[in-house]
Protein backbone atom coordinates (compact mmCIF):
# COMPACT_ATOMS: atom_id res chain seq x y z
CA UNK A 1 -3.14 -24.76 -36.74
CA UNK A 2 -5.62 -21.89 -36.32
CA UNK A 3 -8.13 -23.75 -38.52
CA UNK A 4 -8.28 -26.69 -36.09
CA UNK A 5 -8.67 -24.60 -32.96
CA UNK A 6 -11.77 -22.68 -32.04
CA UNK A 7 -10.47 -19.40 -30.72
CA UNK A 8 -12.62 -19.24 -27.63
CA UNK A 9 -11.43 -16.88 -24.94
CA UNK A 10 -10.43 -19.73 -22.62
CA UNK A 11 -8.53 -21.68 -25.26
CA UNK A 12 -6.90 -18.57 -26.70
CA UNK A 13 -5.90 -17.43 -23.23
CA UNK A 14 -4.38 -20.85 -22.53
CA UNK A 15 -2.42 -20.74 -25.79
CA UNK A 16 -1.20 -17.18 -25.21
CA UNK A 17 -0.15 -17.89 -21.61
CA UNK A 18 1.61 -21.12 -22.62
CA UNK A 19 3.43 -19.47 -25.53
CA UNK A 20 4.41 -16.41 -23.46
CA UNK A 21 5.81 -18.67 -20.73
CA UNK A 22 7.84 -20.42 -23.44
CA UNK A 23 9.31 -17.07 -24.50
CA UNK A 24 7.27 -16.24 -27.61
CA UNK A 25 6.37 -12.60 -28.27
CA UNK A 26 2.79 -11.41 -28.79
CA UNK A 27 3.60 -10.88 -32.48
CA UNK A 28 4.83 -14.47 -32.88
CA UNK A 29 1.77 -15.83 -31.08
CA UNK A 30 -0.56 -13.73 -33.23
CA UNK A 31 1.09 -14.98 -36.42
CA UNK A 32 1.02 -18.59 -35.24
CA UNK A 33 -2.66 -18.41 -34.24
CA UNK A 34 -3.73 -16.22 -37.18
CA UNK A 35 -5.10 -13.52 -34.88
CA UNK A 36 -4.28 -9.86 -34.35
CA UNK A 37 -1.60 -8.80 -31.86
CA UNK A 38 -4.33 -6.90 -30.00
CA UNK A 39 -6.27 -10.15 -29.49
CA UNK A 40 -3.17 -11.88 -28.11
CA UNK A 41 -2.46 -8.95 -25.78
CA UNK A 42 -6.12 -8.80 -24.68
CA UNK A 43 -6.09 -12.54 -23.85
CA UNK A 44 -2.89 -12.02 -21.80
CA UNK A 45 -4.35 -9.04 -19.92
CA UNK A 46 -7.56 -10.92 -19.15
CA UNK A 47 -5.46 -13.74 -17.73
CA UNK A 48 -3.40 -11.36 -15.60
CA UNK A 49 -6.48 -9.54 -14.28
CA UNK A 50 -8.31 -12.76 -13.35
CA UNK A 51 -5.30 -14.61 -11.99
CA UNK A 52 -5.40 -15.46 -8.29
CA UNK A 53 -2.10 -14.73 -6.57
CA UNK A 54 -0.82 -17.21 -4.02
CA UNK A 55 0.42 -16.17 -0.62
CA UNK A 56 4.14 -16.64 0.07
CA UNK A 57 3.30 -19.69 2.22
CA UNK A 58 1.28 -21.25 -0.61
CA UNK A 59 4.12 -20.54 -3.06
CA UNK A 60 6.59 -22.19 -0.67
CA UNK A 61 4.44 -25.32 -0.35
CA UNK A 62 3.95 -25.54 -4.12
CA UNK A 63 7.69 -25.17 -4.68
CA UNK A 64 8.37 -27.91 -2.13
CA UNK A 65 5.85 -30.23 -3.82
CA UNK A 66 7.53 -29.60 -7.18
CA UNK A 67 10.96 -30.35 -5.73
CA UNK A 68 9.69 -33.58 -4.17
CA UNK A 69 8.14 -34.62 -7.48
CA UNK A 70 11.40 -33.83 -9.26
CA UNK A 71 13.28 -35.91 -6.71
CA UNK A 72 10.98 -38.90 -7.31
CA UNK A 73 11.43 -38.58 -11.09
CA UNK A 74 15.21 -38.32 -10.76
CA UNK A 75 15.30 -41.30 -8.41
CA UNK A 76 13.27 -43.44 -10.82
CA UNK A 77 15.60 -42.59 -13.68
CA UNK A 78 18.69 -43.09 -11.54
CA UNK A 79 17.55 -46.65 -10.80
CA UNK A 80 17.67 -47.36 -14.51
CA UNK A 81 21.06 -45.73 -15.07
CA UNK A 82 23.13 -47.96 -17.34
CA UNK A 83 26.58 -46.43 -17.04
CA UNK A 84 28.77 -44.78 -14.47
CA UNK A 85 28.41 -41.52 -16.41
CA UNK A 86 24.61 -41.75 -16.12
CA UNK A 87 24.91 -42.33 -12.39
CA UNK A 88 27.31 -39.39 -12.03
CA UNK A 89 24.86 -37.16 -13.90
CA UNK A 90 22.05 -38.22 -11.56
CA UNK A 91 24.21 -37.52 -8.51
CA UNK A 92 24.67 -33.98 -9.84
CA UNK A 93 20.90 -33.72 -10.31
CA UNK A 94 20.31 -34.94 -6.73
CA UNK A 95 22.83 -32.38 -5.44
CA UNK A 96 21.04 -29.62 -7.37
CA UNK A 97 17.63 -30.68 -6.02
CA UNK A 98 19.05 -30.73 -2.49
CA UNK A 99 20.48 -27.24 -3.00
CA UNK A 100 17.09 -26.00 -4.25
CA UNK A 101 15.36 -27.52 -1.23
CA UNK A 102 17.89 -25.87 1.10
CA UNK A 103 17.35 -22.56 -0.67
CA UNK A 104 13.61 -23.00 -0.31
CA UNK A 105 13.95 -23.67 3.43
CA UNK A 106 16.27 -20.69 3.83
CA UNK A 107 13.73 -18.44 2.11
CA UNK A 108 10.98 -19.68 4.40
CA UNK A 109 13.17 -19.07 7.46
CA UNK A 110 13.97 -15.55 6.20
CA UNK A 111 10.27 -14.87 5.67
CA UNK A 112 9.42 -16.15 9.16
CA UNK A 113 12.21 -14.03 10.69
CA UNK A 114 10.96 -10.97 8.82
CA UNK A 115 7.44 -11.63 10.09
CA UNK A 116 8.70 -11.89 13.68
CA UNK A 117 10.56 -8.58 13.30
CA UNK A 118 7.49 -6.94 11.79
CA UNK A 119 5.33 -8.22 14.65
CA UNK A 120 7.83 -6.88 17.19
CA UNK A 121 7.85 -3.49 15.46
CA UNK A 122 4.05 -3.38 15.36
CA UNK A 123 3.87 -4.35 19.04
CA UNK A 124 6.32 -1.58 19.91
CA UNK A 125 4.26 0.95 17.95
CA UNK A 126 1.11 -0.12 19.80
CA UNK A 127 2.85 0.04 23.19
CA UNK A 128 4.30 3.47 22.39
CA UNK A 129 0.88 4.69 21.29
CA UNK A 130 -0.69 3.39 24.49
CA UNK A 131 1.99 5.06 26.63
CA UNK A 132 1.48 8.33 24.75
CA UNK A 133 -2.29 8.04 25.17
CA UNK A 134 -1.85 7.34 28.88
CA UNK A 135 0.41 10.36 29.32
CA UNK A 136 -1.95 12.62 27.40
CA UNK A 137 -4.92 11.51 29.51
CA UNK A 138 -2.98 12.01 32.68
CA UNK A 139 -2.33 15.57 31.51
CA UNK A 140 -6.03 16.05 30.72
CA UNK A 141 -6.95 14.85 34.22
CA UNK A 142 -4.43 17.18 35.84
CA UNK A 143 -5.85 20.10 33.85
CA UNK A 144 -9.38 19.10 34.93
CA UNK A 145 -8.29 18.94 38.58
CA UNK A 146 -6.61 22.33 38.31
CA UNK A 147 -9.70 23.91 36.71
CA UNK A 148 -12.39 22.34 38.87
CA UNK A 149 -12.80 23.00 42.52
CA UNK A 150 -15.46 20.36 43.13
CA UNK A 151 -15.73 16.71 42.15
CA UNK A 152 -18.83 17.52 40.09
CA UNK A 153 -16.94 20.14 38.09
CA UNK A 154 -13.95 17.82 37.60
CA UNK A 155 -16.26 14.98 36.55
CA UNK A 156 -18.01 17.25 34.07
CA UNK A 157 -14.69 18.43 32.63
CA UNK A 158 -13.43 14.85 32.14
CA UNK A 159 -16.56 12.89 31.19
CA UNK A 160 -18.59 15.41 29.19
CA UNK A 161 -15.95 15.60 26.49
CA UNK A 162 -14.55 12.10 26.93
CA UNK A 163 -15.45 10.67 23.48
CA UNK A 164 -14.20 13.68 21.57
CA UNK A 165 -11.08 14.01 23.69
CA UNK A 166 -10.33 10.27 23.58
CA UNK A 167 -10.63 10.14 19.81
CA UNK A 168 -8.37 13.16 19.35
CA UNK A 169 -5.78 11.87 21.83
CA UNK A 170 -5.83 8.39 20.32
CA UNK A 171 -5.26 9.85 16.85
CA UNK A 172 -2.36 11.96 18.17
CA UNK A 173 -0.84 8.93 19.89
CA UNK A 174 -1.07 6.76 16.78
CA UNK A 175 0.36 9.40 14.47
CA UNK A 176 3.17 10.48 16.80
CA UNK A 177 6.67 9.82 15.53
CA UNK A 178 8.61 7.05 17.37
CA UNK A 179 11.03 9.55 18.91
CA UNK A 180 8.05 11.55 20.24
CA UNK A 181 6.34 8.43 21.59
CA UNK A 182 9.32 7.51 23.72
CA UNK A 183 9.41 10.98 25.28
């Protein structure tokens, strides 16, 4: 077989990925293709490193498309069922496809619910940080009013160091623990 195939990187990678997905070991692939185990492993690693990973939403859509295609194939074969046993087998297949689709929908719902909870948690963190920042600035203003006797002195105390103070207070507010932020 190895004599008929040019072992280009793309073809070798395709063979290695296909054989690995079928359950073959790197050693078995190397023997079959008349290459070293290192070459088989290198082709696998190159595939893994260059592989684009789909988002969970893309994976869900792809899974749904596959299930729909499977349903069409099963339906076509069911139409040509010759015996009651064949028809019973196809009913079991339809039930299994339906269960897989329900599982797929449940996973999507779980993912959406998790995203909603994450968004709520992030919103709460932002609100807590803003409340902490507000409280800290209120304190800074009170200190400035206590120190300064004139509006010019108070203004200087607050505005001259505003950027530095704001950055420090914002960092404190964002890094505060949730129990501290509520206080």
